[in-house]
Amino acid sequence: MMDRSVEDIHSAMDKDFRSETYTVDESITDTILWLMQHQDIFDSFHFDVHSQELSVTHAAGVDIIRVGMFLNAKYGILVTSI
C-alpha cells in the first residue's frame, strides 16, 4: 500500500472518481483511480517509475498524462486537453 498523508486521503475523499470529467493533479494514484472507473475509454496505461510518467493508449493514440490536463470520458473515448 502506498504511504499517503492524511491531507492526501481527505483530498481523494473529496474527488468524484465516477465523474465523466477529471482534472489531473499531482496525485498519480488519484488519476489512476479515475481511469479505473472508466476502463471502457482506453486500451491500456503505463506508469514509468523512473521518469514518473503516466501514458494512456486509447482510440486516438497515446497521451502522456500531465498535471493540469483535463480528462473527459463523456463520448465513450478518452479525450484529453490542457
PDB file of N, CA and C in Angstrom:
ATOM      1  N   MET A   1       0.840  -1.183   0.000  1.00  0.00           N
ATOM      2  CA  MET A   1       0.000   0.000   0.000  1.00  0.00           C
ATOM      3  C   MET A   1       0.882   1.241   0.000  1.00  0.00           C
ATOM      4  N   MET A   2       0.495   2.242  -0.739  1.00  0.00           N
ATOM      5  CA  MET A   2       1.263   3.474  -0.805  1.00  0.00           C
ATOM      6  C   MET A   2       1.075   4.267   0.473  1.00  0.00           C
ATOM      7  N   ASP A   3       2.133   4.918   0.900  1.00  0.00           N
ATOM      8  CA  ASP A   3       2.071   5.762   2.086  1.00  0.00           C
ATOM      9  C   ASP A   3       1.529   7.127   1.676  1.00  0.00           C
ATOM     10  N   ARG A   4       0.315   7.441   2.130  1.00  0.00           N
ATOM     11  CA  ARG A   4      -0.316   8.706   1.768  1.00  0.00           C
ATOM     12  C   ARG A   4      -0.557   9.512   3.029  1.00  0.00           C
ATOM     13  N   SER A   5      -0.381  10.808   2.928  1.00  0.00           N
ATOM     14  CA  SER A   5      -0.609  11.680   4.075  1.00  0.00           C
ATOM     15  C   SER A   5      -2.109  11.814   4.331  1.00  0.00           C
ATOM     16  N   VAL A   6      -2.443  12.273   5.511  1.00  0.00           N
ATOM     17  CA  VAL A   6      -3.847  12.490   5.871  1.00  0.00           C
ATOM     18  C   VAL A   6      -4.479  13.495   4.915  1.00  0.00           C
ATOM     19  N   GLU A   7      -3.731  14.521   4.528  1.00  0.00           N
ATOM     20  CA  GLU A   7      -4.259  15.521   3.594  1.00  0.00           C
ATOM     21  C   GLU A   7      -4.574  14.894   2.241  1.00  0.00           C
ATOM     22  N   ASP A   8      -3.695  13.988   1.772  1.00  0.00           N
ATOM     23  CA  ASP A   8      -3.941  13.313   0.503  1.00  0.00           C
ATOM     24  C   ASP A   8      -5.205  12.473   0.566  1.00  0.00           C
ATOM     25  N   ILE A   9      -5.402  11.783   1.677  1.00  0.00           N
ATOM     26  CA  ILE A   9      -6.568  10.927   1.830  1.00  0.00           C
ATOM     27  C   ILE A   9      -7.844  11.758   1.847  1.00  0.00           C
ATOM     28  N   HIS A  10      -7.825  12.884   2.569  1.00  0.00           N
ATOM     29  CA  HIS A  10      -9.006  13.757   2.593  1.00  0.00           C
ATOM     30  C   HIS A  10      -9.272  14.348   1.217  1.00  0.00           C
ATOM     31  N   SER A  11      -8.211  14.713   0.498  1.00  0.00           N
ATOM     32  CA  SER A  11      -8.365  15.259  -0.842  1.00  0.00           C
ATOM     33  C   SER A  11      -9.006  14.229  -1.764  1.00  0.00           C
ATOM     34  N   ALA A  12      -8.551  12.970  -1.678  1.00  0.00           N
ATOM     35  CA  ALA A  12      -9.111  11.909  -2.517  1.00  0.00           C
ATOM     36  C   ALA A  12     -10.570  11.656  -2.173  1.00  0.00           C
ATOM     37  N   MET A  13     -10.913  11.783  -0.904  1.00  0.00           N
ATOM     38  CA  MET A  13     -12.297  11.559  -0.492  1.00  0.00           C
ATOM     39  C   MET A  13     -13.224  12.623  -1.069  1.00  0.00           C
ATOM     40  N   ASP A  14     -12.694  13.802  -1.363  1.00  0.00           N
ATOM     41  CA  ASP A  14     -13.486  14.892  -1.924  1.00  0.00           C
ATOM     42  C   ASP A  14     -13.675  14.757  -3.430  1.00  0.00           C
ATOM     43  N   LYS A  15     -12.930  13.890  -4.084  1.00  0.00           N
ATOM     44  CA  LYS A  15     -12.998  13.747  -5.535  1.00  0.00           C
ATOM     45  C   LYS A  15     -14.062  12.734  -5.920  1.00  0.00           C
ATOM     46  N   ASP A  16     -14.719  13.008  -7.040  1.00  0.00           N
ATOM     47  CA  ASP A  16     -15.717  12.092  -7.577  1.00  0.00           C
ATOM     48  C   ASP A  16     -15.079  11.332  -8.741  1.00  0.00           C
ATOM     49  N   PHE A  17     -14.571  10.135  -8.462  1.00  0.00           N
ATOM     50  CA  PHE A  17     -13.876   9.356  -9.485  1.00  0.00           C
ATOM     51  C   PHE A  17     -14.819   8.785 -10.530  1.00  0.00           C
ATOM     52  N   ARG A  18     -16.112   8.841 -10.284  1.00  0.00           N
ATOM     53  CA  ARG A  18     -17.088   8.369 -11.273  1.00  0.00           C
ATOM     54  C   ARG A  18     -17.549   9.485 -12.204  1.00  0.00           C
ATOM     55  N   SER A  19     -17.133  10.701 -11.911  1.00  0.00           N
ATOM     56  CA  SER A  19     -17.471  11.834 -12.771  1.00  0.00           C
ATOM     57  C   SER A  19     -16.918  11.586 -14.174  1.00  0.00           C
ATOM     58  N   GLU A  20     -17.601  12.081 -15.181  1.00  0.00           N
ATOM     59  CA  GLU A  20     -17.138  11.899 -16.558  1.00  0.00           C
ATOM     60  C   GLU A  20     -15.954  12.785 -16.905  1.00  0.00           C
ATOM     61  N   THR A  21     -15.650  13.746 -16.052  1.00  0.00           N
ATOM     62  CA  THR A  21     -14.500  14.624 -16.296  1.00  0.00           C
ATOM     63  C   THR A  21     -13.587  14.626 -15.077  1.00  0.00           C
ATOM     64  N   TYR A  22     -12.319  14.908 -15.321  1.00  0.00           N
ATOM     65  CA  TYR A  22     -11.329  14.899 -14.240  1.00  0.00           C
ATOM     66  C   TYR A  22     -10.181  15.820 -14.629  1.00  0.00           C
ATOM     67  N   THR A  23      -9.718  16.616 -13.687  1.00  0.00           N
ATOM     68  CA  THR A  23      -8.536  17.447 -13.901  1.00  0.00           C
ATOM     69  C   THR A  23      -7.372  16.808 -13.152  1.00  0.00           C
ATOM     70  N   VAL A  24      -6.312  16.500 -13.880  1.00  0.00           N
ATOM     71  CA  VAL A  24      -5.157  15.813 -13.317  1.00  0.00           C
ATOM     72  C   VAL A  24      -4.414  16.740 -12.360  1.00  0.00           C
ATOM     73  N   ASP A  25      -4.119  16.219 -11.169  1.00  0.00           N
ATOM     74  CA  ASP A  25      -3.306  16.963 -10.210  1.00  0.00           C
ATOM     75  C   ASP A  25      -2.038  16.161  -9.920  1.00  0.00           C
ATOM     76  N   GLU A  26      -1.356  16.478  -8.847  1.00  0.00           N
ATOM     77  CA  GLU A  26      -0.077  15.843  -8.531  1.00  0.00           C
ATOM     78  C   GLU A  26      -0.224  14.383  -8.113  1.00  0.00           C
ATOM     79  N   SER A  27      -1.429  13.934  -7.815  1.00  0.00           N
ATOM     80  CA  SER A  27      -1.634  12.571  -7.331  1.00  0.00           C
ATOM     81  C   SER A  27      -1.834  11.587  -8.487  1.00  0.00           C
ATOM     82  N   ILE A  28      -0.776  10.865  -8.832  1.00  0.00           N
ATOM     83  CA  ILE A  28      -0.870   9.831  -9.860  1.00  0.00           C
ATOM     84  C   ILE A  28      -1.887   8.766  -9.434  1.00  0.00           C
ATOM     85  N   THR A  29      -1.903   8.459  -8.150  1.00  0.00           N
ATOM     86  CA  THR A  29      -2.832   7.458  -7.622  1.00  0.00           C
ATOM     87  C   THR A  29      -4.279   7.843  -7.929  1.00  0.00           C
ATOM     88  N   ASP A  30      -4.630   9.095  -7.696  1.00  0.00           N
ATOM     89  CA  ASP A  30      -5.997   9.543  -7.955  1.00  0.00           C
ATOM     90  C   ASP A  30      -6.328   9.495  -9.443  1.00  0.00           C
ATOM     91  N   THR A  31      -5.362   9.839 -10.280  1.00  0.00           N
ATOM     92  CA  THR A  31      -5.590   9.788 -11.726  1.00  0.00           C
ATOM     93  C   THR A  31      -5.839   8.349 -12.162  1.00  0.00           C
ATOM     94  N   ILE A  32      -5.060   7.423 -11.637  1.00  0.00           N
ATOM     95  CA  ILE A  32      -5.266   6.017 -11.970  1.00  0.00           C
ATOM     96  C   ILE A  32      -6.616   5.528 -11.445  1.00  0.00           C
ATOM     97  N   LEU A  33      -7.002   5.968 -10.252  1.00  0.00           N
ATOM     98  CA  LEU A  33      -8.325   5.601  -9.725  1.00  0.00           C
ATOM     99  C   LEU A  33      -9.432   6.094 -10.648  1.00  0.00           C
ATOM    100  N   TRP A  34      -9.299   7.324 -11.161  1.00  0.00           N
ATOM    101  CA  TRP A  34     -10.305   7.847 -12.093  1.00  0.00           C
ATOM    102  C   TRP A  34     -10.321   6.993 -13.363  1.00  0.00           C
ATOM    103  N   LEU A  35      -9.146   6.688 -13.897  1.00  0.00           N
ATOM    104  CA  LEU A  35      -9.082   5.861 -15.103  1.00  0.00           C
ATOM    105  C   LEU A  35      -9.723   4.489 -14.868  1.00  0.00           C
ATOM    106  N   MET A  36      -9.511   3.907 -13.708  1.00  0.00           N
ATOM    107  CA  MET A  36     -10.074   2.592 -13.418  1.00  0.00           C
ATOM    108  C   MET A  36     -11.601   2.620 -13.381  1.00  0.00           C
ATOM    109  N   GLN A  37     -12.178   3.771 -13.064  1.00  0.00           N
ATOM    110  CA  GLN A  37     -13.642   3.907 -13.088  1.00  0.00           C
ATOM    111  C   GLN A  37     -14.179   4.038 -14.512  1.00  0.00           C
ATOM    112  N   HIS A  38     -13.268   4.254 -15.471  1.00  0.00           N
ATOM    113  CA  HIS A  38     -13.665   4.490 -16.867  1.00  0.00           C
ATOM    114  C   HIS A  38     -12.848   3.593 -17.802  1.00  0.00           C
ATOM    115  N   GLN A  39     -12.749   2.322 -17.469  1.00  0.00           N
ATOM    116  CA  GLN A  39     -11.910   1.394 -18.231  1.00  0.00           C
ATOM    117  C   GLN A  39     -12.353   1.207 -19.673  1.00  0.00           C
ATOM    118  N   ASP A  40     -13.585   1.554 -19.986  1.00  0.00           N
ATOM    119  CA  ASP A  40     -14.083   1.378 -21.348  1.00  0.00           C
ATOM    120  C   ASP A  40     -13.590   2.460 -22.314  1.00  0.00           C
ATOM    121  N   ILE A  41     -12.901   3.487 -21.833  1.00  0.00           N
ATOM    122  CA  ILE A  41     -12.492   4.600 -22.705  1.00  0.00           C
ATOM    123  C   ILE A  41     -11.027   4.530 -23.123  1.00  0.00           C
ATOM    124  N   PHE A  42     -10.292   3.531 -22.663  1.00  0.00           N
ATOM    125  CA  PHE A  42      -8.886   3.406 -23.048  1.00  0.00           C
ATOM    126  C   PHE A  42      -8.517   1.937 -23.160  1.00  0.00           C
ATOM    127  N   ASP A  43      -7.402   1.682 -23.840  1.00  0.00           N
ATOM    128  CA  ASP A  43      -6.942   0.310 -24.034  1.00  0.00           C
ATOM    129  C   ASP A  43      -5.990  -0.130 -22.923  1.00  0.00           C
ATOM    130  N   SER A  44      -5.051   0.750 -22.571  1.00  0.00           N
ATOM    131  CA  SER A  44      -4.070   0.410 -21.541  1.00  0.00           C
ATOM    132  C   SER A  44      -3.410   1.683 -21.030  1.00  0.00           C
ATOM    133  N   PHE A  45      -2.758   1.551 -19.887  1.00  0.00           N
ATOM    134  CA  PHE A  45      -1.926   2.646 -19.411  1.00  0.00           C
ATOM    135  C   PHE A  45      -0.622   2.073 -18.894  1.00  0.00           C
ATOM    136  N   HIS A  46       0.387   2.924 -18.852  1.00  0.00           N
ATOM    137  CA  HIS A  46       1.726   2.518 -18.418  1.00  0.00           C
ATOM    138  C   HIS A  46       2.282   3.612 -17.529  1.00  0.00           C
ATOM    139  N   PHE A  47       2.798   3.235 -16.370  1.00  0.00           N
ATOM    140  CA  PHE A  47       3.451   4.194 -15.494  1.00  0.00           C
ATOM    141  C   PHE A  47       4.919   3.836 -15.409  1.00  0.00           C
ATOM    142  N   ASP A  48       5.773   4.760 -15.828  1.00  0.00           N
ATOM    143  CA  ASP A  48       7.217   4.579 -15.771  1.00  0.00           C
ATOM    144  C   ASP A  48       7.713   5.120 -14.438  1.00  0.00           C
ATOM    145  N   VAL A  49       8.158   4.241 -13.578  1.00  0.00           N
ATOM    146  CA  VAL A  49       8.589   4.632 -12.234  1.00  0.00           C
ATOM    147  C   VAL A  49       9.795   5.554 -12.293  1.00  0.00           C
ATOM    148  N   HIS A  50      10.706   5.278 -13.202  1.00  0.00           N
ATOM    149  CA  HIS A  50      11.923   6.092 -13.292  1.00  0.00           C
ATOM    150  C   HIS A  50      11.621   7.549 -13.670  1.00  0.00           C
ATOM    151  N   SER A  51      10.821   7.734 -14.701  1.00  0.00           N
ATOM    152  CA  SER A  51      10.521   9.091 -15.167  1.00  0.00           C
ATOM    153  C   SER A  51       9.286   9.679 -14.504  1.00  0.00           C
ATOM    154  N   GLN A  52       8.528   8.835 -13.753  1.00  0.00           N
ATOM    155  CA  GLN A  52       7.268   9.251 -13.117  1.00  0.00           C
ATOM    156  C   GLN A  52       6.272   9.736 -14.167  1.00  0.00           C
ATOM    157  N   GLU A  53       6.248   9.050 -15.313  1.00  0.00           N
ATOM    158  CA  GLU A  53       5.398   9.440 -16.423  1.00  0.00           C
ATOM    159  C   GLU A  53       4.283   8.415 -16.624  1.00  0.00           C
ATOM    160  N   LEU A  54       3.052   8.914 -16.723  1.00  0.00           N
ATOM    161  CA  LEU A  54       1.883   8.076 -16.977  1.00  0.00           C
ATOM    162  C   LEU A  54       1.454   8.275 -18.429  1.00  0.00           C
ATOM    163  N   SER A  55       1.382   7.190 -19.173  1.00  0.00           N
ATOM    164  CA  SER A  55       0.898   7.271 -20.554  1.00  0.00           C
ATOM    165  C   SER A  55      -0.326   6.380 -20.692  1.00  0.00           C
ATOM    166  N   VAL A  56      -1.262   6.818 -21.533  1.00  0.00           N
ATOM    167  CA  VAL A  56      -2.507   6.087 -21.742  1.00  0.00           C
ATOM    168  C   VAL A  56      -2.692   5.861 -23.236  1.00  0.00           C
ATOM    169  N   THR A  57      -2.939   4.619 -23.616  1.00  0.00           N
ATOM    170  CA  THR A  57      -3.218   4.263 -25.001  1.00  0.00           C
ATOM    171  C   THR A  57      -4.729   4.158 -25.157  1.00  0.00           C
ATOM    172  N   HIS A  58      -5.255   4.854 -26.163  1.00  0.00           N
ATOM    173  CA  HIS A  58      -6.708   4.880 -26.391  1.00  0.00           C
ATOM    174  C   HIS A  58      -6.979   4.969 -27.881  1.00  0.00           C
ATOM    175  N   ALA A  59      -8.236   5.088 -28.267  1.00  0.00           N
ATOM    176  CA  ALA A  59      -8.631   5.049 -29.681  1.00  0.00           C
ATOM    177  C   ALA A  59      -7.923   6.088 -30.551  1.00  0.00           C
ATOM    178  N   ALA A  60      -7.596   7.231 -29.985  1.00  0.00           N
ATOM    179  CA  ALA A  60      -6.975   8.297 -30.771  1.00  0.00           C
ATOM    180  C   ALA A  60      -5.445   8.276 -30.705  1.00  0.00           C
ATOM    181  N   GLY A  61      -4.866   7.304 -30.007  1.00  0.00           N
ATOM    182  CA  GLY A  61      -3.407   7.225 -29.930  1.00  0.00           C
ATOM    183  C   GLY A  61      -2.925   7.062 -28.500  1.00  0.00           C
ATOM    184  N   VAL A  62      -1.772   7.678 -28.224  1.00  0.00           N
ATOM    185  CA  VAL A  62      -1.168   7.603 -26.893  1.00  0.00           C
ATOM    186  C   VAL A  62      -0.987   9.014 -26.364  1.00  0.00           C
ATOM    187  N   ASP A  63      -1.395   9.235 -25.129  1.00  0.00           N
ATOM    188  CA  ASP A  63      -1.191  10.540 -24.484  1.00  0.00           C
ATOM    189  C   ASP A  63      -0.336  10.371 -23.241  1.00  0.00           C
ATOM    190  N   ILE A  64       0.566  11.311 -23.029  1.00  0.00           N
ATOM    191  CA  ILE A  64       1.297  11.413 -21.781  1.00  0.00           C
ATOM    192  C   ILE A  64       0.431  12.292 -20.877  1.00  0.00           C
ATOM    193  N   ILE A  65       0.033  11.753 -19.737  1.00  0.00           N
ATOM    194  CA  ILE A  65      -0.858  12.469 -18.828  1.00  0.00           C
ATOM    195  C   ILE A  65      -0.023  13.355 -17.915  1.00  0.00           C
ATOM    196  N   ARG A  66      -0.335  14.645 -17.912  1.00  0.00           N
ATOM    197  CA  ARG A  66       0.424  15.621 -17.131  1.00  0.00           C
ATOM    198  C   ARG A  66      -0.503  16.411 -16.205  1.00  0.00           C
ATOM    199  N   VAL A  67       0.093  16.942 -15.154  1.00  0.00           N
ATOM    200  CA  VAL A  67      -0.648  17.784 -14.207  1.00  0.00           C
ATOM    201  C   VAL A  67      -1.298  18.940 -14.968  1.00  0.00           C
ATOM    202  N   GLY A  68      -2.564  19.182 -14.669  1.00  0.00           N
ATOM    203  CA  GLY A  68      -3.303  20.268 -15.304  1.00  0.00           C
ATOM    204  C   GLY A  68      -4.148  19.835 -16.490  1.00  0.00           C
ATOM    205  N   MET A  69      -3.919  18.612 -16.988  1.00  0.00           N
ATOM    206  CA  MET A  69      -4.710  18.134 -18.127  1.00  0.00           C
ATOM    207  C   MET A  69      -6.148  17.871 -17.691  1.00  0.00           C
ATOM    208  N   PHE A  70      -7.046  18.051 -18.610  1.00  0.00           N
ATOM    209  CA  PHE A  70      -8.463  17.786 -18.412  1.00  0.00           C
ATOM    210  C   PHE A  70      -8.780  16.489 -19.132  1.00  0.00           C
ATOM    211  N   LEU A  71      -9.305  15.506 -18.405  1.00  0.00           N
ATOM    212  CA  LEU A  71      -9.677  14.220 -18.991  1.00  0.00           C
ATOM    213  C   LEU A  71     -11.193  14.141 -19.087  1.00  0.00           C
ATOM    214  N   ASN A  72     -11.675  13.630 -20.212  1.00  0.00           N
ATOM    215  CA  ASN A  72     -13.106  13.597 -20.464  1.00  0.00           C
ATOM    216  C   ASN A  72     -13.505  12.205 -20.955  1.00  0.00           C
ATOM    217  N   ALA A  73     -14.502  11.610 -20.309  1.00  0.00           N
ATOM    218  CA  ALA A  73     -14.995  10.289 -20.694  1.00  0.00           C
ATOM    219  C   ALA A  73     -16.407  10.344 -21.264  1.00  0.00           C
ATOM    220  N   LYS A  74     -16.902  11.534 -21.553  1.00  0.00           N
ATOM    221  CA  LYS A  74     -18.303  11.707 -21.955  1.00  0.00           C
ATOM    222  C   LYS A  74     -18.669  11.044 -23.273  1.00  0.00           C
ATOM    223  N   TYR A  75     -17.728  10.888 -24.165  1.00  0.00           N
ATOM    224  CA  TYR A  75     -18.053  10.433 -25.514  1.00  0.00           C
ATOM    225  C   TYR A  75     -17.727   8.963 -25.747  1.00  0.00           C
ATOM    226  N   GLY A  76     -17.430   8.227 -24.669  1.00  0.00           N
ATOM    227  CA  GLY A  76     -17.100   6.815 -24.802  1.00  0.00           C
ATOM    228  C   GLY A  76     -15.668   6.557 -25.201  1.00  0.00           C
ATOM    229  N   ILE A  77     -14.894   7.624 -25.380  1.00  0.00           N
ATOM    230  CA  ILE A  77     -13.459   7.526 -25.629  1.00  0.00           C
ATOM    231  C   ILE A  77     -12.765   8.539 -24.726  1.00  0.00           C
ATOM    232  N   LEU A  78     -11.505   8.333 -24.484  1.00  0.00           N
ATOM    233  CA  LEU A  78     -10.751   9.292 -23.662  1.00  0.00           C
ATOM    234  C   LEU A  78     -10.396  10.507 -24.510  1.00  0.00           C
ATOM    235  N   VAL A  79     -10.816  11.661 -24.031  1.00  0.00           N
ATOM    236  CA  VAL A  79     -10.470  12.932 -24.674  1.00  0.00           C
ATOM    237  C   VAL A  79      -9.641  13.705 -23.667  1.00  0.00           C
ATOM    238  N   THR A  80      -8.459  14.159 -24.092  1.00  0.00           N
ATOM    239  CA  THR A  80      -7.576  14.898 -23.200  1.00  0.00           C
ATOM    240  C   THR A  80      -7.340  16.299 -23.742  1.00  0.00           C
ATOM    241  N   SER A  81      -7.109  17.223 -22.843  1.00  0.00           N
ATOM    242  CA  SER A  81      -6.774  18.579 -23.258  1.00  0.00           C
ATOM    243  C   SER A  81      -6.030  19.264 -22.116  1.00  0.00           C
ATOM    244  N   ILE A  82      -5.347  20.334 -22.461  1.00  0.00           N
ATOM    245  CA  ILE A  82      -4.598  21.100 -21.459  1.00  0.00           C
ATOM    246  C   ILE A  82      -5.424  22.285 -21.025  1.00  0.00           C
TER     247      ILE A  82
END
